[in-house]
Protein backbone atom coordinates (compact mmCIF):
# COMPACT_ATOMS: atom_id res chain seq x y z
CA MET A 1 98.67 16.23 13.18
CA ILE A 2 102.52 15.62 11.70
CA SER A 3 104.60 18.57 10.79
CA PRO A 4 106.25 19.21 7.42
CA GLN A 5 109.92 18.31 9.23
CA GLN A 6 108.77 15.34 9.97
CA VAL A 7 107.20 14.50 6.35
CA GLU A 8 110.79 15.18 5.18
CA GLU A 9 112.80 13.15 8.13
CA MET A 10 110.62 10.13 6.62
CA ILE A 11 110.89 10.81 3.09
CA LYS A 12 115.19 11.15 3.95
CA THR A 13 114.85 8.17 5.72
CA GLN A 14 114.23 5.99 3.72
CA ILE A 15 115.94 7.90 0.26
CA PRO A 16 119.23 9.37 2.21
CA ASP A 17 119.83 11.38 -1.00
CA ALA A 18 116.82 13.40 -1.17
CA GLN A 19 116.25 17.08 -1.62
CA VAL A 20 112.57 17.65 -0.12
CA GLN A 21 110.47 20.28 -0.21
CA VAL A 22 107.20 19.79 2.06
CA GLN A 23 104.27 22.70 2.17
CA ASP A 24 101.55 22.14 3.70
CA LEU A 25 98.54 23.23 2.06
CA THR A 26 95.99 23.77 4.57
CA GLY A 27 97.75 24.74 8.08
CA GLY A 28 95.77 21.66 9.26
CA GLY A 29 98.91 18.99 8.99
CA ASP A 30 97.17 16.55 7.15
CA HIS A 31 97.03 17.92 3.40
CA TYR A 32 100.65 18.58 1.96
CA GLN A 33 102.49 19.04 -1.31
CA VAL A 34 106.11 17.42 -1.60
CA ILE A 35 108.71 17.89 -4.01
CA VAL A 36 111.50 15.05 -4.16
CA VAL A 37 114.68 14.84 -5.61
CA SER A 38 116.33 12.00 -5.53
CA SER A 39 119.37 9.64 -8.06
CA GLN A 40 117.26 6.91 -6.74
CA PHE A 41 114.46 8.01 -9.31
CA GLU A 42 117.04 7.37 -12.06
CA GLY A 43 115.73 4.64 -14.51
CA LYS A 44 112.40 4.59 -12.61
CA GLY A 45 109.13 5.48 -14.21
CA LEU A 46 106.71 8.13 -12.25
CA VAL A 47 104.41 5.27 -10.61
CA GLN A 48 107.67 3.95 -9.15
CA GLN A 49 108.90 6.74 -8.38
CA HIS A 50 105.61 8.06 -6.29
CA GLN A 51 105.72 4.46 -4.85
CA LEU A 52 109.07 5.19 -2.81
CA ILE A 53 107.72 8.39 -1.24
CA TYR A 54 104.31 6.32 -0.32
CA GLY A 55 106.50 3.67 0.82
CA ALA A 56 108.59 5.87 2.98
CA LEU A 57 104.88 7.66 4.34
CA GLN A 58 103.24 4.65 4.32
CA GLN A 59 102.61 4.21 8.50
CA ALA A 60 101.52 8.25 8.40
CA MET A 61 99.36 7.88 5.35
CA SER A 62 97.37 4.58 7.11
CA SER A 63 96.65 6.48 10.36
CA GLU A 64 95.47 9.52 8.20
CA ALA A 65 98.26 11.85 10.04
CA ILE A 66 98.57 12.55 6.63
CA HIS A 67 95.30 12.53 4.07
CA ALA A 68 95.98 14.31 1.24
CA LEU A 69 99.36 14.12 -0.58
CA ALA A 70 100.16 15.83 -4.07
CA LEU A 71 103.58 14.46 -5.13
CA LYS A 72 106.50 15.72 -7.85
CA THR A 73 109.51 13.51 -8.02
CA TYR A 74 112.66 14.09 -9.81
CA THR A 75 115.49 12.77 -10.95
CA PRO A 76 118.58 15.35 -10.13
CA GLN A 77 118.74 16.24 -14.02
CA ALA A 78 115.10 16.66 -14.46
CA TRP A 79 115.32 19.26 -11.68
CA GLN A 80 117.88 21.01 -13.33
CA VAL A 81 115.34 21.39 -16.39
CA ASP A 82 112.24 22.09 -14.42
CA SER A 83 113.72 24.56 -12.12
CA GLN A 84 115.17 26.57 -15.13
CA VAL A 85 111.84 27.02 -16.85
CA VAL A 86 110.75 30.65 -16.55
């Protein structure tokens, strides 16, 4: 089992400017929804953005400490637009 805080720390180690929100979807510590906002996503496609996150969580995912991961990634500008939509 891995905690939401550990997931956040792993992402921030790889992407220091990241704003990270982690939600444990099942309470079991292996199914997470993660929202990441970072300037490192600028100019990258969605797949490339997600690859950065998977790279940060590679060890936890390969050991199946994280079994399922739902990702949402945003640049700071895209996050501002998306978070203002009602």
